[in-house]
């Protein structure tokens, strides 16, 4: 896949994750998700599952700057984690990464994609809404450290923007 194949600038490329990306993905997760980040072992186990879809953004010359992890079971997808390094935020990278991942999930047969997001993560919620996700409900006190509600959001992939 060439640098432009993922729809980013020539300095970056969207591609499927490979096992050697694991430690870089974990470093991004810690910086992006803080206490919600999974352990290195948890990510390794998840990436090995047949239902996992992990996509990364790599800068030219190497080095990951963002990743997204989704599950696909039958025709239902769940966006599990998205992370972008702080210095690469607000450049449209997560938007293009998610557009790429969601299009792939749709091509693999997903009809709907679900996610949970902290109520306080306004930038993430705005990104999801821009993609067409809509709030479906709330899970009270879902997150710990700190305790916070999760917004449940869903997107019908036929309406993908």
N, C-alpha and C. Protein backbone atom coordinates (compact mmCIF):
# COMPACT_ATOMS: atom_id res chain seq x y z
N UNK A 1 0.85 -1.17 0.00
CA UNK A 1 0.00 0.00 0.00
C UNK A 1 0.89 1.22 0.00
N UNK A 2 0.68 2.15 -0.90
CA UNK A 2 1.46 3.37 -0.96
C UNK A 2 1.04 4.36 0.11
N UNK A 3 1.79 5.41 0.24
CA UNK A 3 1.54 6.38 1.29
C UNK A 3 0.18 7.03 1.15
N UNK A 4 -0.30 7.20 -0.05
CA UNK A 4 -1.59 7.86 -0.22
C UNK A 4 -2.76 6.89 -0.17
N UNK A 5 -2.50 5.61 -0.10
CA UNK A 5 -3.57 4.62 -0.15
C UNK A 5 -4.59 4.79 0.96
N UNK A 6 -4.17 5.25 2.11
CA UNK A 6 -5.09 5.44 3.22
C UNK A 6 -5.77 6.78 3.22
N UNK A 7 -5.44 7.66 2.27
CA UNK A 7 -6.11 8.94 2.20
C UNK A 7 -5.46 10.03 3.03
N UNK A 8 -4.28 9.81 3.55
CA UNK A 8 -3.59 10.83 4.33
C UNK A 8 -2.56 11.52 3.46
N UNK A 9 -1.85 12.45 4.06
CA UNK A 9 -0.80 13.16 3.34
C UNK A 9 0.33 12.19 2.99
N UNK A 10 1.25 12.62 2.12
CA UNK A 10 2.38 11.75 1.77
C UNK A 10 3.26 11.39 2.97
N UNK A 11 3.14 12.12 4.07
CA UNK A 11 3.96 11.85 5.25
C UNK A 11 3.39 10.72 6.11
N UNK A 12 2.18 10.27 5.83
CA UNK A 12 1.56 9.23 6.65
C UNK A 12 0.86 8.20 5.77
N UNK A 13 0.64 7.03 6.36
CA UNK A 13 -0.02 5.93 5.66
C UNK A 13 -0.94 5.21 6.64
N UNK A 14 -2.12 4.82 6.18
CA UNK A 14 -3.03 3.98 6.96
C UNK A 14 -2.82 2.55 6.50
N UNK A 15 -2.67 1.65 7.48
CA UNK A 15 -2.46 0.24 7.13
C UNK A 15 -2.95 -0.64 8.26
N UNK A 16 -3.18 -1.93 7.98
CA UNK A 16 -3.51 -2.87 9.05
C UNK A 16 -2.32 -3.01 9.99
N UNK A 17 -2.60 -3.18 11.25
CA UNK A 17 -1.53 -3.42 12.23
C UNK A 17 -0.93 -4.79 12.03
N UNK A 18 0.33 -4.91 12.37
CA UNK A 18 1.03 -6.19 12.37
C UNK A 18 1.55 -6.42 13.79
N UNK A 19 1.88 -7.67 14.14
CA UNK A 19 2.31 -7.95 15.51
C UNK A 19 3.46 -7.05 16.01
N UNK A 20 4.36 -6.66 15.14
CA UNK A 20 5.49 -5.83 15.58
C UNK A 20 5.06 -4.41 15.95
N UNK A 21 3.81 -4.03 15.68
CA UNK A 21 3.28 -2.72 16.05
C UNK A 21 2.81 -2.67 17.50
N UNK A 22 2.74 -3.80 18.16
CA UNK A 22 2.10 -3.91 19.47
C UNK A 22 2.62 -2.89 20.49
N UNK A 23 3.93 -2.81 20.66
CA UNK A 23 4.46 -1.91 21.68
C UNK A 23 4.18 -0.45 21.35
N UNK A 24 4.26 -0.06 20.09
CA UNK A 24 3.95 1.31 19.69
C UNK A 24 2.48 1.62 19.92
N UNK A 25 1.60 0.68 19.62
CA UNK A 25 0.17 0.87 19.87
C UNK A 25 -0.06 1.06 21.37
N UNK A 26 0.60 0.26 22.18
CA UNK A 26 0.44 0.38 23.63
C UNK A 26 0.90 1.75 24.13
N UNK A 27 2.03 2.25 23.60
CA UNK A 27 2.51 3.59 24.00
C UNK A 27 1.50 4.66 23.63
N UNK A 28 0.90 4.55 22.46
CA UNK A 28 -0.13 5.53 22.05
C UNK A 28 -1.33 5.41 22.97
N UNK A 29 -1.74 4.19 23.28
CA UNK A 29 -2.91 3.98 24.14
C UNK A 29 -2.70 4.63 25.50
N UNK A 30 -1.53 4.48 26.08
CA UNK A 30 -1.26 5.06 27.39
C UNK A 30 -1.38 6.58 27.33
N UNK A 31 -0.81 7.19 26.28
CA UNK A 31 -0.86 8.65 26.16
C UNK A 31 -2.27 9.15 25.83
N UNK A 32 -3.00 8.39 25.04
CA UNK A 32 -4.31 8.84 24.58
C UNK A 32 -5.44 8.51 25.55
N UNK A 33 -5.35 7.35 26.20
CA UNK A 33 -6.47 6.87 27.00
C UNK A 33 -6.22 6.90 28.49
N UNK A 34 -4.98 7.10 28.90
CA UNK A 34 -4.67 7.16 30.32
C UNK A 34 -5.11 5.90 31.05
N UNK A 35 -5.93 6.07 32.11
CA UNK A 35 -6.33 4.90 32.91
C UNK A 35 -7.21 3.90 32.16
N UNK A 36 -7.75 4.30 31.02
CA UNK A 36 -8.59 3.39 30.24
C UNK A 36 -7.78 2.51 29.30
N UNK A 37 -6.46 2.74 29.21
CA UNK A 37 -5.61 1.95 28.31
C UNK A 37 -5.49 0.52 28.83
N UNK A 38 -5.47 -0.42 27.90
CA UNK A 38 -5.28 -1.81 28.25
C UNK A 38 -3.81 -2.08 28.48
N UNK A 39 -3.51 -3.16 29.18
CA UNK A 39 -2.13 -3.60 29.38
C UNK A 39 -1.57 -4.08 28.04
N UNK A 40 -0.25 -4.16 27.98
CA UNK A 40 0.41 -4.69 26.80
C UNK A 40 -0.06 -6.11 26.51
N UNK A 41 -0.20 -6.91 27.56
CA UNK A 41 -0.65 -8.29 27.39
C UNK A 41 -2.09 -8.34 26.89
N UNK A 42 -2.94 -7.46 27.42
CA UNK A 42 -4.33 -7.41 26.97
C UNK A 42 -4.44 -7.03 25.50
N UNK A 43 -3.66 -6.05 25.07
CA UNK A 43 -3.65 -5.68 23.66
C UNK A 43 -3.15 -6.83 22.78
N UNK A 44 -2.10 -7.50 23.25
CA UNK A 44 -1.55 -8.62 22.48
C UNK A 44 -2.60 -9.72 22.30
N UNK A 45 -3.28 -10.06 23.38
CA UNK A 45 -4.34 -11.07 23.30
C UNK A 45 -5.44 -10.63 22.35
N UNK A 46 -5.83 -9.37 22.44
CA UNK A 46 -6.92 -8.87 21.60
C UNK A 46 -6.54 -8.86 20.13
N UNK A 47 -5.34 -8.41 19.82
CA UNK A 47 -4.91 -8.35 18.42
C UNK A 47 -4.85 -9.73 17.78
N UNK A 48 -4.69 -10.77 18.59
CA UNK A 48 -4.60 -12.14 18.07
C UNK A 48 -5.97 -12.76 17.79
N UNK A 49 -7.04 -12.11 18.23
CA UNK A 49 -8.38 -12.66 18.05
C UNK A 49 -8.85 -12.49 16.61
N UNK A 50 -9.56 -13.47 16.07
CA UNK A 50 -10.03 -13.36 14.68
C UNK A 50 -11.07 -12.25 14.48
N UNK A 51 -11.74 -11.83 15.53
CA UNK A 51 -12.75 -10.78 15.39
C UNK A 51 -12.16 -9.37 15.48
N UNK A 52 -10.87 -9.26 15.81
CA UNK A 52 -10.24 -7.96 15.99
C UNK A 52 -9.79 -7.38 14.65
N UNK A 53 -10.01 -6.08 14.49
CA UNK A 53 -9.53 -5.31 13.35
C UNK A 53 -8.74 -4.14 13.93
N UNK A 54 -7.44 -4.11 13.67
CA UNK A 54 -6.60 -3.04 14.19
C UNK A 54 -5.95 -2.34 13.01
N UNK A 55 -6.13 -1.04 12.95
CA UNK A 55 -5.61 -0.22 11.88
C UNK A 55 -4.75 0.87 12.48
N UNK A 56 -3.65 1.20 11.82
CA UNK A 56 -2.71 2.17 12.35
C UNK A 56 -2.42 3.25 11.30
N UNK A 57 -1.93 4.38 11.81
CA UNK A 57 -1.39 5.44 10.96
C UNK A 57 0.10 5.50 11.26
N UNK A 58 0.89 5.35 10.21
CA UNK A 58 2.35 5.36 10.35
C UNK A 58 2.90 6.57 9.62
N UNK A 59 3.83 7.28 10.26
CA UNK A 59 4.47 8.40 9.59
C UNK A 59 5.58 7.90 8.69
N UNK A 60 5.90 8.69 7.67
CA UNK A 60 6.96 8.34 6.74
C UNK A 60 8.26 8.13 7.50
N UNK A 61 8.97 7.08 7.17
CA UNK A 61 10.21 6.78 7.86
C UNK A 61 10.01 5.91 9.09
N UNK A 62 8.77 5.58 9.40
CA UNK A 62 8.46 4.70 10.53
C UNK A 62 7.96 5.44 11.73
N UNK A 63 7.27 4.74 12.57
CA UNK A 63 6.71 5.30 13.79
C UNK A 63 5.22 5.51 13.66
N UNK A 64 4.49 4.89 14.58
CA UNK A 64 3.04 5.02 14.57
C UNK A 64 2.61 6.29 15.29
N UNK A 65 1.53 6.92 14.77
CA UNK A 65 1.01 8.13 15.40
C UNK A 65 -0.44 7.96 15.85
N UNK A 66 -1.11 6.91 15.37
CA UNK A 66 -2.51 6.68 15.74
C UNK A 66 -2.87 5.23 15.46
N UNK A 67 -3.92 4.78 16.15
CA UNK A 67 -4.42 3.44 15.91
C UNK A 67 -5.91 3.41 16.25
N UNK A 68 -6.59 2.41 15.73
CA UNK A 68 -7.98 2.15 16.07
C UNK A 68 -8.17 0.64 16.12
N UNK A 69 -8.93 0.20 17.12
CA UNK A 69 -9.21 -1.21 17.34
C UNK A 69 -10.72 -1.40 17.33
N UNK A 70 -11.17 -2.33 16.50
CA UNK A 70 -12.60 -2.64 16.43
C UNK A 70 -12.77 -4.15 16.47
N UNK A 71 -13.97 -4.55 16.83
CA UNK A 71 -14.36 -5.95 16.78
C UNK A 71 -15.42 -6.09 15.70
N UNK A 72 -15.41 -7.21 15.00
CA UNK A 72 -16.45 -7.53 14.04
C UNK A 72 -16.93 -8.94 14.33
N UNK A 73 -18.20 -9.04 14.75
CA UNK A 73 -18.83 -10.32 15.03
C UNK A 73 -20.14 -10.33 14.26
N UNK A 74 -20.24 -11.29 13.33
CA UNK A 74 -21.40 -11.38 12.42
C UNK A 74 -21.51 -10.04 11.68
N UNK A 75 -22.66 -9.35 11.79
CA UNK A 75 -22.80 -8.07 11.09
C UNK A 75 -22.75 -6.87 12.04
N UNK A 76 -22.23 -7.09 13.24
CA UNK A 76 -22.13 -6.02 14.24
C UNK A 76 -20.66 -5.70 14.52
N UNK A 77 -20.31 -4.43 14.42
CA UNK A 77 -18.97 -3.97 14.76
C UNK A 77 -19.03 -3.15 16.03
N UNK A 78 -17.94 -3.17 16.77
CA UNK A 78 -17.79 -2.34 17.95
C UNK A 78 -16.45 -1.64 17.86
N UNK A 79 -16.48 -0.33 17.91
CA UNK A 79 -15.25 0.45 17.96
C UNK A 79 -14.79 0.44 19.41
N UNK A 80 -13.66 -0.20 19.68
CA UNK A 80 -13.22 -0.45 21.04
C UNK A 80 -12.27 0.63 21.54
N UNK A 81 -11.29 1.00 20.74
CA UNK A 81 -10.32 2.01 21.15
C UNK A 81 -9.85 2.80 19.94
N UNK A 82 -9.59 4.07 20.18
CA UNK A 82 -8.98 4.95 19.20
C UNK A 82 -7.98 5.80 19.96
N UNK A 83 -6.78 5.93 19.43
CA UNK A 83 -5.79 6.76 20.08
C UNK A 83 -4.90 7.46 19.07
N UNK A 84 -4.59 8.72 19.34
CA UNK A 84 -3.68 9.52 18.52
C UNK A 84 -2.68 10.18 19.45
N UNK A 85 -1.41 10.18 19.07
CA UNK A 85 -0.40 10.85 19.88
C UNK A 85 -0.73 12.33 20.01
N UNK A 86 -0.50 12.94 21.17
CA UNK A 86 -0.87 14.33 21.38
C UNK A 86 -0.37 15.29 20.31
N UNK A 87 0.85 15.16 19.84
CA UNK A 87 1.38 16.08 18.84
C UNK A 87 0.78 15.93 17.45
N UNK A 88 -0.02 14.90 17.26
CA UNK A 88 -0.63 14.64 15.95
C UNK A 88 -2.15 14.88 15.96
N UNK A 89 -2.68 15.37 17.04
CA UNK A 89 -4.12 15.60 17.14
C UNK A 89 -4.53 16.86 16.39
N UNK A 90 -5.82 16.94 16.11
CA UNK A 90 -6.44 18.10 15.45
C UNK A 90 -5.89 18.34 14.04
N UNK A 91 -5.49 17.26 13.38
CA UNK A 91 -5.01 17.34 11.99
C UNK A 91 -5.87 16.48 11.06
N UNK A 92 -6.96 15.91 11.58
CA UNK A 92 -7.83 15.08 10.76
C UNK A 92 -7.38 13.63 10.66
N UNK A 93 -6.33 13.27 11.40
CA UNK A 93 -5.81 11.90 11.30
C UNK A 93 -6.82 10.88 11.83
N UNK A 94 -7.40 11.13 13.00
CA UNK A 94 -8.36 10.18 13.56
C UNK A 94 -9.60 10.07 12.67
N UNK A 95 -10.04 11.18 12.10
CA UNK A 95 -11.20 11.15 11.20
C UNK A 95 -10.91 10.23 10.01
N UNK A 96 -9.79 10.43 9.35
CA UNK A 96 -9.48 9.61 8.17
C UNK A 96 -9.21 8.16 8.55
N UNK A 97 -8.56 7.95 9.70
CA UNK A 97 -8.33 6.60 10.18
C UNK A 97 -9.65 5.88 10.39
N UNK A 98 -10.59 6.54 11.06
CA UNK A 98 -11.88 5.90 11.32
C UNK A 98 -12.70 5.73 10.05
N UNK A 99 -12.65 6.68 9.14
CA UNK A 99 -13.34 6.50 7.86
C UNK A 99 -12.82 5.24 7.16
N UNK A 100 -11.51 5.07 7.16
CA UNK A 100 -10.88 3.90 6.54
C UNK A 100 -11.32 2.61 7.23
N UNK A 101 -11.23 2.60 8.57
CA UNK A 101 -11.60 1.41 9.34
C UNK A 101 -13.08 1.07 9.16
N UNK A 102 -13.95 2.07 9.26
CA UNK A 102 -15.39 1.82 9.12
C UNK A 102 -15.74 1.33 7.72
N UNK A 103 -15.10 1.88 6.70
CA UNK A 103 -15.35 1.40 5.33
C UNK A 103 -14.93 -0.07 5.21
N UNK A 104 -13.82 -0.43 5.83
CA UNK A 104 -13.38 -1.82 5.82
C UNK A 104 -14.34 -2.74 6.55
N UNK A 105 -14.85 -2.27 7.68
CA UNK A 105 -15.83 -3.06 8.43
C UNK A 105 -17.10 -3.26 7.61
N UNK A 106 -17.54 -2.20 6.94
CA UNK A 106 -18.73 -2.31 6.08
C UNK A 106 -18.46 -3.30 4.95
N UNK A 107 -17.28 -3.22 4.34
CA UNK A 107 -16.94 -4.15 3.26
C UNK A 107 -16.88 -5.60 3.75
N UNK A 108 -16.56 -5.78 5.03
CA UNK A 108 -16.51 -7.12 5.61
C UNK A 108 -17.87 -7.60 6.13
N UNK A 109 -18.92 -6.81 5.90
CA UNK A 109 -20.26 -7.25 6.23
C UNK A 109 -20.92 -6.60 7.43
N UNK A 110 -20.25 -5.67 8.08
CA UNK A 110 -20.86 -4.99 9.23
C UNK A 110 -21.99 -4.07 8.76
N UNK A 111 -23.08 -4.11 9.48
CA UNK A 111 -24.23 -3.25 9.20
C UNK A 111 -24.26 -2.06 10.14
N UNK A 112 -23.88 -2.31 11.39
CA UNK A 112 -23.92 -1.28 12.44
C UNK A 112 -22.60 -1.31 13.20
N UNK A 113 -22.19 -0.13 13.65
CA UNK A 113 -21.01 -0.04 14.52
C UNK A 113 -21.43 0.68 15.81
N UNK A 114 -21.03 0.13 16.93
CA UNK A 114 -21.34 0.68 18.25
C UNK A 114 -20.06 1.14 18.93
N UNK A 115 -20.19 2.02 19.90
CA UNK A 115 -19.06 2.42 20.72
C UNK A 115 -19.57 2.98 22.04
N UNK A 116 -18.63 3.07 22.99
CA UNK A 116 -18.88 3.72 24.28
C UNK A 116 -17.82 4.78 24.43
N UNK A 117 -18.19 5.94 24.94
CA UNK A 117 -17.24 7.02 25.13
C UNK A 117 -17.55 7.75 26.43
N UNK A 118 -16.49 8.16 27.13
CA UNK A 118 -16.69 8.94 28.35
C UNK A 118 -17.47 10.21 28.03
N UNK A 119 -18.38 10.55 28.92
CA UNK A 119 -19.17 11.77 28.75
C UNK A 119 -18.27 13.00 28.60
N UNK A 120 -17.14 13.02 29.32
CA UNK A 120 -16.26 14.19 29.33
C UNK A 120 -15.37 14.32 28.08
N UNK A 121 -15.30 13.31 27.27
CA UNK A 121 -14.42 13.36 26.08
C UNK A 121 -15.14 14.04 24.93
N UNK A 122 -15.25 15.35 25.05
CA UNK A 122 -16.02 16.12 24.08
C UNK A 122 -15.42 16.09 22.68
N UNK A 123 -14.09 16.11 22.57
CA UNK A 123 -13.46 16.07 21.24
C UNK A 123 -13.75 14.73 20.57
N UNK A 124 -13.67 13.64 21.32
CA UNK A 124 -13.97 12.32 20.76
C UNK A 124 -15.43 12.24 20.34
N UNK A 125 -16.32 12.73 21.20
CA UNK A 125 -17.75 12.69 20.86
C UNK A 125 -18.02 13.51 19.60
N UNK A 126 -17.39 14.66 19.46
CA UNK A 126 -17.57 15.49 18.26
C UNK A 126 -17.08 14.75 17.02
N UNK A 127 -15.97 14.05 17.13
CA UNK A 127 -15.45 13.26 16.01
C UNK A 127 -16.45 12.18 15.62
N UNK A 128 -16.96 11.46 16.60
CA UNK A 128 -17.91 10.39 16.31
C UNK A 128 -19.19 10.95 15.68
N UNK A 129 -19.66 12.07 16.18
CA UNK A 129 -20.86 12.70 15.60
C UNK A 129 -20.59 13.15 14.17
N UNK A 130 -19.40 13.65 13.90
CA UNK A 130 -19.04 14.06 12.54
C UNK A 130 -19.09 12.87 11.59
N UNK A 131 -18.73 11.69 12.08
CA UNK A 131 -18.80 10.47 11.27
C UNK A 131 -20.23 9.96 11.10
N UNK A 132 -21.15 10.47 11.90
CA UNK A 132 -22.54 10.05 11.79
C UNK A 132 -23.05 9.23 12.96
N UNK A 133 -22.22 8.97 13.96
CA UNK A 133 -22.67 8.24 15.15
C UNK A 133 -23.70 9.09 15.90
N UNK A 134 -24.67 8.43 16.49
CA UNK A 134 -25.71 9.10 17.28
C UNK A 134 -25.79 8.44 18.65
N UNK A 135 -26.08 9.23 19.66
CA UNK A 135 -26.21 8.73 21.03
C UNK A 135 -27.45 7.84 21.11
N UNK A 136 -27.26 6.64 21.66
CA UNK A 136 -28.35 5.68 21.81
C UNK A 136 -28.76 5.49 23.26
N UNK A 137 -27.89 5.89 24.19
CA UNK A 137 -28.18 5.70 25.60
C UNK A 137 -26.97 6.06 26.45
N UNK A 138 -27.11 5.83 27.75
CA UNK A 138 -26.06 6.14 28.71
C UNK A 138 -25.90 4.95 29.66
N UNK A 139 -24.65 4.61 29.97
CA UNK A 139 -24.35 3.63 31.01
C UNK A 139 -23.83 4.41 32.21
N UNK A 140 -24.62 4.44 33.27
CA UNK A 140 -24.26 5.19 34.46
C UNK A 140 -23.02 4.60 35.12
N UNK A 141 -22.10 5.47 35.51
CA UNK A 141 -20.90 5.08 36.26
C UNK A 141 -20.14 3.92 35.61
N UNK A 142 -20.09 3.89 34.31
CA UNK A 142 -19.44 2.79 33.58
C UNK A 142 -17.93 2.80 33.78
N UNK A 143 -17.32 3.97 33.71
CA UNK A 143 -15.87 4.09 33.83
C UNK A 143 -15.48 4.30 35.28
N UNK A 144 -14.26 3.86 35.60
CA UNK A 144 -13.65 4.10 36.90
C UNK A 144 -12.40 4.94 36.66
N UNK A 145 -11.89 5.55 37.67
CA UNK A 145 -10.63 6.33 37.59
C UNK A 145 -10.65 7.41 36.53
N UNK A 146 -11.42 8.42 36.58
CA UNK A 146 -12.47 8.65 37.57
C UNK A 146 -13.79 8.01 37.13
N UNK A 147 -14.68 7.85 38.10
CA UNK A 147 -16.00 7.29 37.82
C UNK A 147 -16.76 8.25 36.92
N UNK A 148 -17.32 7.70 35.86
CA UNK A 148 -18.00 8.56 34.88
C UNK A 148 -18.95 7.74 34.03
N UNK A 149 -19.98 8.39 33.52
CA UNK A 149 -20.93 7.74 32.62
C UNK A 149 -20.31 7.52 31.25
N UNK A 150 -20.79 6.50 30.57
CA UNK A 150 -20.43 6.25 29.17
C UNK A 150 -21.62 6.57 28.29
N UNK A 151 -21.38 7.27 27.21
CA UNK A 151 -22.40 7.46 26.20
C UNK A 151 -22.31 6.30 25.23
N UNK A 152 -23.43 5.68 24.94
CA UNK A 152 -23.50 4.61 23.95
C UNK A 152 -23.89 5.26 22.63
N UNK A 153 -23.09 5.02 21.60
CA UNK A 153 -23.34 5.62 20.30
C UNK A 153 -23.37 4.52 19.25
N UNK A 154 -24.08 4.77 18.16
CA UNK A 154 -24.16 3.78 17.08
C UNK A 154 -24.21 4.49 15.73
N UNK A 155 -23.75 3.78 14.73
CA UNK A 155 -23.75 4.26 13.35
C UNK A 155 -24.20 3.12 12.45
N UNK A 156 -25.20 3.39 11.63
CA UNK A 156 -25.59 2.44 10.58
C UNK A 156 -24.62 2.68 9.43
N UNK A 157 -23.84 1.69 9.09
CA UNK A 157 -22.73 1.87 8.15
C UNK A 157 -23.18 2.21 6.74
N UNK A 158 -24.42 1.95 6.40
CA UNK A 158 -24.91 2.37 5.08
C UNK A 158 -24.92 3.89 4.98
N UNK A 159 -24.97 4.57 6.14
CA UNK A 159 -25.01 6.03 6.18
C UNK A 159 -23.63 6.63 6.41
N UNK A 160 -22.58 5.84 6.26
CA UNK A 160 -21.22 6.29 6.54
C UNK A 160 -20.89 7.54 5.74
N UNK A 161 -20.37 8.55 6.45
CA UNK A 161 -20.01 9.82 5.80
C UNK A 161 -18.58 9.81 5.37
